[in-house]
């Protein structure tokens, strides 16, 4: 099979499987955001953080203390536009009770909050206005788990929400590693195939032929989980 035929076959498959980043609401106050976005953070007095963001699903505005599920390998920015509420990210060791959208921090001890904070602390703290301060986080697969965000004003124990990081399941056709299947993966496969790079040896037999093309097409059509 020549390169032109391979490109045509794979491109036709790509037309039907291209994916877009989106937000899925999974509960009354729970959202899964599968690609990097910027969260703009405001506040409702001293009772809640209000998070807003936009992606291919649309714009989500002033969601109070949402539980947000993020994907490893994606970059998320937390931009604190409040005027009196320092925003801190911690591990799940922070003493907390409650449910999605209604968590309460059970400690007023700054040493406990600091001791459970993600490290280095200054990179996981966004100070309020007039400071121009953001948290930029690209969690890796090893960061999969649960976290909290909370206000550092000790009396504001209700200003807290949960973050869940999920590592994506294996997606062998995602040769660019961006969590999506599109023409860039097709191009990467063709380049690897022409160079007889092991990345294109989808059958694992050490040869580069129609069977590798077929295996790539099957993986591509199966999509990413």
C-alpha atoms as a PDB file:
ATOM      1  CA  UNK A   1       0.000   0.000   0.000  1.00  0.00           C
ATOM      2  CA  UNK A   2       1.563   3.325  -1.052  1.00  0.00           C
ATOM      3  CA  UNK A   3       1.705   6.416   1.108  1.00  0.00           C
ATOM      4  CA  UNK A   4      -1.022   8.219  -0.856  1.00  0.00           C
ATOM      5  CA  UNK A   5      -3.449   5.336  -0.354  1.00  0.00           C
ATOM      6  CA  UNK A   6      -2.601   5.156   3.336  1.00  0.00           C
ATOM      7  CA  UNK A   7      -3.155   8.886   3.765  1.00  0.00           C
ATOM      8  CA  UNK A   8      -6.509   8.734   1.971  1.00  0.00           C
ATOM      9  CA  UNK A   9      -7.773   5.809   4.055  1.00  0.00           C
ATOM     10  CA  UNK A  10      -6.722   7.316   7.340  1.00  0.00           C
ATOM     11  CA  UNK A  11      -8.002  10.789   6.487  1.00  0.00           C
ATOM     12  CA  UNK A  12     -11.448   9.384   5.726  1.00  0.00           C
ATOM     13  CA  UNK A  13     -11.440   7.738   9.133  1.00  0.00           C
ATOM     14  CA  UNK A  14     -10.376  10.982  10.770  1.00  0.00           C
ATOM     15  CA  UNK A  15     -13.308  12.869   9.300  1.00  0.00           C
ATOM     16  CA  UNK A  16     -15.762  10.798  11.322  1.00  0.00           C
ATOM     17  CA  UNK A  17     -13.883  10.723  14.623  1.00  0.00           C
ATOM     18  CA  UNK A  18     -12.545  14.221  15.268  1.00  0.00           C
ATOM     19  CA  UNK A  19     -13.260  15.262  18.850  1.00  0.00           C
ATOM     20  CA  UNK A  20     -13.689  18.564  20.639  1.00  0.00           C
ATOM     21  CA  UNK A  21     -12.876  19.514  24.172  1.00  0.00           C
ATOM     22  CA  UNK A  22     -15.949  19.983  26.288  1.00  0.00           C
ATOM     23  CA  UNK A  23     -17.428  20.272  29.748  1.00  0.00           C
ATOM     24  CA  UNK A  24     -19.825  17.613  30.979  1.00  0.00           C
ATOM     25  CA  UNK A  25     -22.031  18.274  33.984  1.00  0.00           C
ATOM     26  CA  UNK A  26     -21.984  15.059  35.984  1.00  0.00           C
ATOM     27  CA  UNK A  27     -24.018  16.168  39.000  1.00  0.00           C
ATOM     28  CA  UNK A  28     -25.864  19.177  40.430  1.00  0.00           C
ATOM     29  CA  UNK A  29     -22.544  20.871  41.198  1.00  0.00           C
ATOM     30  CA  UNK A  30     -20.004  18.604  39.481  1.00  0.00           C
ATOM     31  CA  UNK A  31     -18.302  19.186  36.141  1.00  0.00           C
ATOM     32  CA  UNK A  32     -15.753  17.292  34.071  1.00  0.00           C
ATOM     33  CA  UNK A  33     -13.522  19.544  31.969  1.00  0.00           C
ATOM     34  CA  UNK A  34     -11.505  17.340  29.645  1.00  0.00           C
ATOM     35  CA  UNK A  35      -9.134  19.965  28.244  1.00  0.00           C
ATOM     36  CA  UNK A  36      -7.238  22.901  29.659  1.00  0.00           C
ATOM     37  CA  UNK A  37      -9.218  26.069  30.407  1.00  0.00           C
ATOM     38  CA  UNK A  38      -8.810  29.229  32.460  1.00  0.00           C
ATOM     39  CA  UNK A  39     -11.010  29.413  35.549  1.00  0.00           C
ATOM     40  CA  UNK A  40     -11.887  32.981  36.533  1.00  0.00           C
ATOM     41  CA  UNK A  41     -12.489  33.120  40.277  1.00  0.00           C
ATOM     42  CA  UNK A  42     -14.867  35.546  41.971  1.00  0.00           C
ATOM     43  CA  UNK A  43     -16.693  35.266  45.295  1.00  0.00           C
ATOM     44  CA  UNK A  44     -20.127  35.384  46.811  1.00  0.00           C
ATOM     45  CA  UNK A  45     -19.416  37.408  49.948  1.00  0.00           C
ATOM     46  CA  UNK A  46     -17.570  35.036  52.309  1.00  0.00           C
ATOM     47  CA  UNK A  47     -19.685  31.973  51.537  1.00  0.00           C
ATOM     48  CA  UNK A  48     -18.480  30.633  48.170  1.00  0.00           C
ATOM     49  CA  UNK A  49     -15.934  30.876  45.427  1.00  0.00           C
ATOM     50  CA  UNK A  50     -17.589  31.463  42.041  1.00  0.00           C
ATOM     51  CA  UNK A  51     -15.815  29.797  39.108  1.00  0.00           C
ATOM     52  CA  UNK A  52     -16.372  30.690  35.454  1.00  0.00           C
ATOM     53  CA  UNK A  53     -14.833  29.163  32.317  1.00  0.00           C
ATOM     54  CA  UNK A  54     -15.458  28.633  28.599  1.00  0.00           C
ATOM     55  CA  UNK A  55     -14.769  25.804  26.164  1.00  0.00           C
ATOM     56  CA  UNK A  56     -16.384  24.117  23.168  1.00  0.00           C
ATOM     57  CA  UNK A  57     -19.482  23.355  25.255  1.00  0.00           C
ATOM     58  CA  UNK A  58     -20.106  27.036  25.949  1.00  0.00           C
ATOM     59  CA  UNK A  59     -19.612  29.370  28.877  1.00  0.00           C
ATOM     60  CA  UNK A  60     -20.152  28.406  32.497  1.00  0.00           C
ATOM     61  CA  UNK A  61     -20.625  31.401  34.762  1.00  0.00           C
ATOM     62  CA  UNK A  62     -20.371  31.891  38.521  1.00  0.00           C
ATOM     63  CA  UNK A  63     -20.639  28.245  39.556  1.00  0.00           C
ATOM     64  CA  UNK A  64     -20.503  28.164  43.357  1.00  0.00           C
ATOM     65  CA  UNK A  65     -17.743  25.930  44.778  1.00  0.00           C
ATOM     66  CA  UNK A  66     -18.041  23.308  42.023  1.00  0.00           C
ATOM     67  CA  UNK A  67     -16.398  19.910  42.115  1.00  0.00           C
ATOM     68  CA  UNK A  68     -14.261  19.921  38.967  1.00  0.00           C
ATOM     69  CA  UNK A  69     -12.754  16.845  37.355  1.00  0.00           C
ATOM     70  CA  UNK A  70      -9.642  17.596  35.298  1.00  0.00           C
ATOM     71  CA  UNK A  71      -7.564  15.497  32.895  1.00  0.00           C
ATOM     72  CA  UNK A  72      -3.906  14.819  33.480  1.00  0.00           C
ATOM     73  CA  UNK A  73      -1.614  16.242  30.833  1.00  0.00           C
ATOM     74  CA  UNK A  74      -3.833  19.292  30.334  1.00  0.00           C
ATOM     75  CA  UNK A  75      -2.968  22.795  31.586  1.00  0.00           C
ATOM     76  CA  UNK A  76      -5.477  24.589  33.790  1.00  0.00           C
ATOM     77  CA  UNK A  77      -5.181  28.183  34.967  1.00  0.00           C
ATOM     78  CA  UNK A  78      -6.864  29.525  38.113  1.00  0.00           C
ATOM     79  CA  UNK A  79      -7.123  33.323  37.967  1.00  0.00           C
ATOM     80  CA  UNK A  80      -8.112  34.874  41.296  1.00  0.00           C
ATOM     81  CA  UNK A  81     -10.124  38.034  40.625  1.00  0.00           C
ATOM     82  CA  UNK A  82     -11.544  38.320  44.145  1.00  0.00           C
ATOM     83  CA  UNK A  83     -10.499  41.212  46.363  1.00  0.00           C
ATOM     84  CA  UNK A  84     -10.115  39.530  49.740  1.00  0.00           C
ATOM     85  CA  UNK A  85      -9.975  35.754  49.346  1.00  0.00           C
ATOM     86  CA  UNK A  86      -6.579  34.050  48.847  1.00  0.00           C
ATOM     87  CA  UNK A  87      -7.113  30.829  46.861  1.00  0.00           C
ATOM     88  CA  UNK A  88      -5.082  27.766  47.910  1.00  0.00           C
ATOM     89  CA  UNK A  89      -4.951  24.206  46.537  1.00  0.00           C
ATOM     90  CA  UNK A  90      -4.404  21.312  48.954  1.00  0.00           C
ATOM     91  CA  UNK A  91      -4.278  17.539  49.055  1.00  0.00           C
ATOM     92  CA  UNK A  92      -7.224  15.465  50.250  1.00  0.00           C
ATOM     93  CA  UNK A  93      -5.576  15.300  53.678  1.00  0.00           C
ATOM     94  CA  UNK A  94      -7.170  18.657  54.503  1.00  0.00           C
ATOM     95  CA  UNK A  95      -9.909  18.037  57.126  1.00  0.00           C
ATOM     96  CA  UNK A  96     -13.165  18.533  55.199  1.00  0.00           C
ATOM     97  CA  UNK A  97     -16.759  17.376  55.525  1.00  0.00           C
ATOM     98  CA  UNK A  98     -19.785  17.740  53.256  1.00  0.00           C
ATOM     99  CA  UNK A  99     -20.743  16.937  49.677  1.00  0.00           C
ATOM    100  CA  UNK A 100     -20.240  18.456  46.232  1.00  0.00           C
ATOM    101  CA  UNK A 101     -21.001  22.168  46.359  1.00  0.00           C
ATOM    102  CA  UNK A 102     -21.424  22.134  50.138  1.00  0.00           C
ATOM    103  CA  UNK A 103     -18.051  21.237  51.615  1.00  0.00           C
ATOM    104  CA  UNK A 104     -16.815  22.790  54.852  1.00  0.00           C
ATOM    105  CA  UNK A 105     -13.215  23.046  55.961  1.00  0.00           C
ATOM    106  CA  UNK A 106     -13.008  21.557  59.464  1.00  0.00           C
ATOM    107  CA  UNK A 107      -9.858  23.338  60.572  1.00  0.00           C
ATOM    108  CA  UNK A 108      -9.022  26.938  61.390  1.00  0.00           C
ATOM    109  CA  UNK A 109      -5.351  26.160  61.911  1.00  0.00           C
ATOM    110  CA  UNK A 110      -3.129  27.703  59.213  1.00  0.00           C
ATOM    111  CA  UNK A 111      -0.401  25.182  60.056  1.00  0.00           C
ATOM    112  CA  UNK A 112      -2.759  22.352  59.110  1.00  0.00           C
ATOM    113  CA  UNK A 113      -3.718  24.079  55.859  1.00  0.00           C
ATOM    114  CA  UNK A 114      -0.063  24.751  55.003  1.00  0.00           C
ATOM    115  CA  UNK A 115       0.857  21.185  55.909  1.00  0.00           C
ATOM    116  CA  UNK A 116      -1.672  19.750  53.448  1.00  0.00           C
ATOM    117  CA  UNK A 117      -1.058  22.278  50.668  1.00  0.00           C
ATOM    118  CA  UNK A 118       0.362  21.313  47.303  1.00  0.00           C
ATOM    119  CA  UNK A 119       4.031  22.130  46.993  1.00  0.00           C
ATOM    120  CA  UNK A 120       5.684  24.498  46.446  1.00  0.00           C
ATOM    121  CA  UNK A 121       3.037  26.504  48.294  1.00  0.00           C
ATOM    122  CA  UNK A 122       3.548  29.745  46.414  1.00  0.00           C
ATOM    123  CA  UNK A 123       2.836  28.019  43.091  1.00  0.00           C
ATOM    124  CA  UNK A 124      -0.492  26.722  44.402  1.00  0.00           C
ATOM    125  CA  UNK A 125      -1.651  29.986  45.986  1.00  0.00           C
ATOM    126  CA  UNK A 126      -3.361  32.755  44.039  1.00  0.00           C
ATOM    127  CA  UNK A 127      -3.584  35.989  45.987  1.00  0.00           C
ATOM    128  CA  UNK A 128      -6.583  38.307  45.505  1.00  0.00           C
ATOM    129  CA  UNK A 129      -6.654  41.623  43.672  1.00  0.00           C
ATOM    130  CA  UNK A 130      -4.881  43.983  43.310  1.00  0.00           C
ATOM    131  CA  UNK A 131      -2.214  41.276  42.919  1.00  0.00           C
ATOM    132  CA  UNK A 132      -2.024  39.728  39.465  1.00  0.00           C
ATOM    133  CA  UNK A 133      -1.651  36.156  40.601  1.00  0.00           C
ATOM    134  CA  UNK A 134      -2.639  32.890  38.947  1.00  0.00           C
ATOM    135  CA  UNK A 135      -2.068  29.192  39.499  1.00  0.00           C
ATOM    136  CA  UNK A 136      -0.987  27.324  36.381  1.00  0.00           C
ATOM    137  CA  UNK A 137      -1.190  23.556  36.816  1.00  0.00           C
ATOM    138  CA  UNK A 138      -0.501  20.723  34.411  1.00  0.00           C
ATOM    139  CA  UNK A 139      -1.147  17.600  36.498  1.00  0.00           C
ATOM    140  CA  UNK A 140       0.609  14.438  35.359  1.00  0.00           C
ATOM    141  CA  UNK A 141      -0.715  10.892  35.367  1.00  0.00           C
ATOM    142  CA  UNK A 142       0.931  10.427  38.768  1.00  0.00           C
ATOM    143  CA  UNK A 143      -1.188  13.270  40.156  1.00  0.00           C
ATOM    144  CA  UNK A 144      -4.448  11.383  39.643  1.00  0.00           C
ATOM    145  CA  UNK A 145      -6.502  11.703  42.823  1.00  0.00           C
ATOM    146  CA  UNK A 146      -8.555  14.154  44.852  1.00  0.00           C
ATOM    147  CA  UNK A 147      -7.675  17.654  46.022  1.00  0.00           C
ATOM    148  CA  UNK A 148      -9.363  20.689  47.536  1.00  0.00           C
ATOM    149  CA  UNK A 149      -9.287  24.413  46.929  1.00  0.00           C
ATOM    150  CA  UNK A 150      -9.984  26.681  49.883  1.00  0.00           C
ATOM    151  CA  UNK A 151      -9.889  30.285  51.066  1.00  0.00           C
ATOM    152  CA  UNK A 152      -6.956  31.147  53.323  1.00  0.00           C
ATOM    153  CA  UNK A 153      -9.052  33.496  55.420  1.00  0.00           C
ATOM    154  CA  UNK A 154      -9.463  31.123  58.346  1.00  0.00           C
ATOM    155  CA  UNK A 155     -13.015  32.220  59.193  1.00  0.00           C
ATOM    156  CA  UNK A 156     -14.184  31.521  55.606  1.00  0.00           C
ATOM    157  CA  UNK A 157     -14.431  27.767  56.050  1.00  0.00           C
ATOM    158  CA  UNK A 158     -17.349  27.458  53.601  1.00  0.00           C
ATOM    159  CA  UNK A 159     -15.285  28.716  50.662  1.00  0.00           C
ATOM    160  CA  UNK A 160     -14.028  25.338  49.530  1.00  0.00           C
ATOM    161  CA  UNK A 161     -14.483  22.871  46.692  1.00  0.00           C
ATOM    162  CA  UNK A 162     -13.057  19.624  45.373  1.00  0.00           C
ATOM    163  CA  UNK A 163     -10.757  18.948  42.431  1.00  0.00           C
ATOM    164  CA  UNK A 164     -10.461  15.455  40.951  1.00  0.00           C
ATOM    165  CA  UNK A 165      -7.642  14.632  38.545  1.00  0.00           C
ATOM    166  CA  UNK A 166      -8.144  11.646  36.260  1.00  0.00           C
ATOM    167  CA  UNK A 167      -5.472  10.002  34.134  1.00  0.00           C
ATOM    168  CA  UNK A 168      -6.855   9.186  30.676  1.00  0.00           C
ATOM    169  CA  UNK A 169      -7.137   5.560  29.694  1.00  0.00           C
ATOM    170  CA  UNK A 170      -4.739   4.248  27.091  1.00  0.00           C
ATOM    171  CA  UNK A 171      -5.374   5.579  23.589  1.00  0.00           C
ATOM    172  CA  UNK A 172      -2.773   4.048  21.250  1.00  0.00           C
ATOM    173  CA  UNK A 173      -3.830   6.035  18.169  1.00  0.00           C
ATOM    174  CA  UNK A 174      -3.257   9.330  20.003  1.00  0.00           C
ATOM    175  CA  UNK A 175       0.304   9.636  18.717  1.00  0.00           C
ATOM    176  CA  UNK A 176       0.505  13.339  19.587  1.00  0.00           C
ATOM    177  CA  UNK A 177      -0.507  12.675  23.204  1.00  0.00           C
ATOM    178  CA  UNK A 178      -3.008  15.536  23.364  1.00  0.00           C
ATOM    179  CA  UNK A 179      -6.005  13.397  24.329  1.00  0.00           C
ATOM    180  CA  UNK A 180      -7.732  13.879  20.970  1.00  0.00           C
ATOM    181  CA  UNK A 181      -7.788  12.002  17.670  1.00  0.00           C
ATOM    182  CA  UNK A 182      -7.447  14.183  14.597  1.00  0.00           C
ATOM    183  CA  UNK A 183      -5.370  14.858  11.488  1.00  0.00           C
ATOM    184  CA  UNK A 184      -2.280  15.542  13.581  1.00  0.00           C
ATOM    185  CA  UNK A 185      -2.304  11.904  14.715  1.00  0.00           C
ATOM    186  CA  UNK A 186      -2.734  10.804  11.094  1.00  0.00           C
ATOM    187  CA  UNK A 187       0.250  12.925  10.102  1.00  0.00           C
ATOM    188  CA  UNK A 188       2.303  11.546  12.975  1.00  0.00           C
ATOM    189  CA  UNK A 189       1.473   7.975  11.938  1.00  0.00           C
ATOM    190  CA  UNK A 190       2.372   8.622   8.293  1.00  0.00           C
ATOM    191  CA  UNK A 191       5.678  10.214   9.275  1.00  0.00           C
ATOM    192  CA  UNK A 192       6.508   7.321  11.571  1.00  0.00           C
ATOM    193  CA  UNK A 193       5.418   4.762   8.960  1.00  0.00           C
ATOM    194  CA  UNK A 194       7.554   6.296   6.217  1.00  0.00           C
ATOM    195  CA  UNK A 195      10.533   6.484   8.571  1.00  0.00           C
ATOM    196  CA  UNK A 196       9.923   2.893   9.749  1.00  0.00           C
ATOM    197  CA  UNK A 197       9.745   4.267  13.260  1.00  0.00           C
ATOM    198  CA  UNK A 198       8.598   1.721  15.887  1.00  0.00           C
ATOM    199  CA  UNK A 199       5.754   4.080  16.785  1.00  0.00           C
ATOM    200  CA  UNK A 200       4.039   2.970  13.562  1.00  0.00           C
ATOM    201  CA  UNK A 201       4.551  -0.738  14.178  1.00  0.00           C
ATOM    202  CA  UNK A 202       1.042  -1.238  15.524  1.00  0.00           C
ATOM    203  CA  UNK A 203       1.198  -5.023  15.225  1.00  0.00           C
ATOM    204  CA  UNK A 204       4.512  -5.231  17.047  1.00  0.00           C
ATOM    205  CA  UNK A 205       6.009  -7.668  14.532  1.00  0.00           C
ATOM    206  CA  UNK A 206       8.954  -5.479  13.520  1.00  0.00           C
ATOM    207  CA  UNK A 207       7.586  -4.951  10.001  1.00  0.00           C
ATOM    208  CA  UNK A 208       5.757  -2.040   8.400  1.00  0.00           C
ATOM    209  CA  UNK A 209       2.913  -3.058   6.110  1.00  0.00           C
ATOM    210  CA  UNK A 210      -0.828  -3.104   5.524  1.00  0.00           C
ATOM    211  CA  UNK A 211      -1.455  -4.805   8.862  1.00  0.00           C
ATOM    212  CA  UNK A 212       0.015  -1.842  10.764  1.00  0.00           C
ATOM    213  CA  UNK A 213      -2.194   0.524   8.766  1.00  0.00           C
ATOM    214  CA  UNK A 214      -5.227  -1.631   9.518  1.00  0.00           C
ATOM    215  CA  UNK A 215      -4.368  -1.792  13.219  1.00  0.00           C
ATOM    216  CA  UNK A 216      -3.923   1.989  13.373  1.00  0.00           C
ATOM    217  CA  UNK A 217      -7.250   2.545  11.600  1.00  0.00           C
ATOM    218  CA  UNK A 218      -9.006   0.221  14.058  1.00  0.00           C
ATOM    219  CA  UNK A 219      -7.487   2.040  17.028  1.00  0.00           C
ATOM    220  CA  UNK A 220      -8.329   5.415  15.487  1.00  0.00           C
ATOM    221  CA  UNK A 221     -11.934   4.445  14.825  1.00  0.00           C
ATOM    222  CA  UNK A 222     -12.283   3.120  18.370  1.00  0.00           C
ATOM    223  CA  UNK A 223     -11.580   6.635  19.633  1.00  0.00           C
ATOM    224  CA  UNK A 224     -10.146   7.710  22.960  1.00  0.00           C
ATOM    225  CA  UNK A 225     -11.980   6.718  26.156  1.00  0.00           C
END
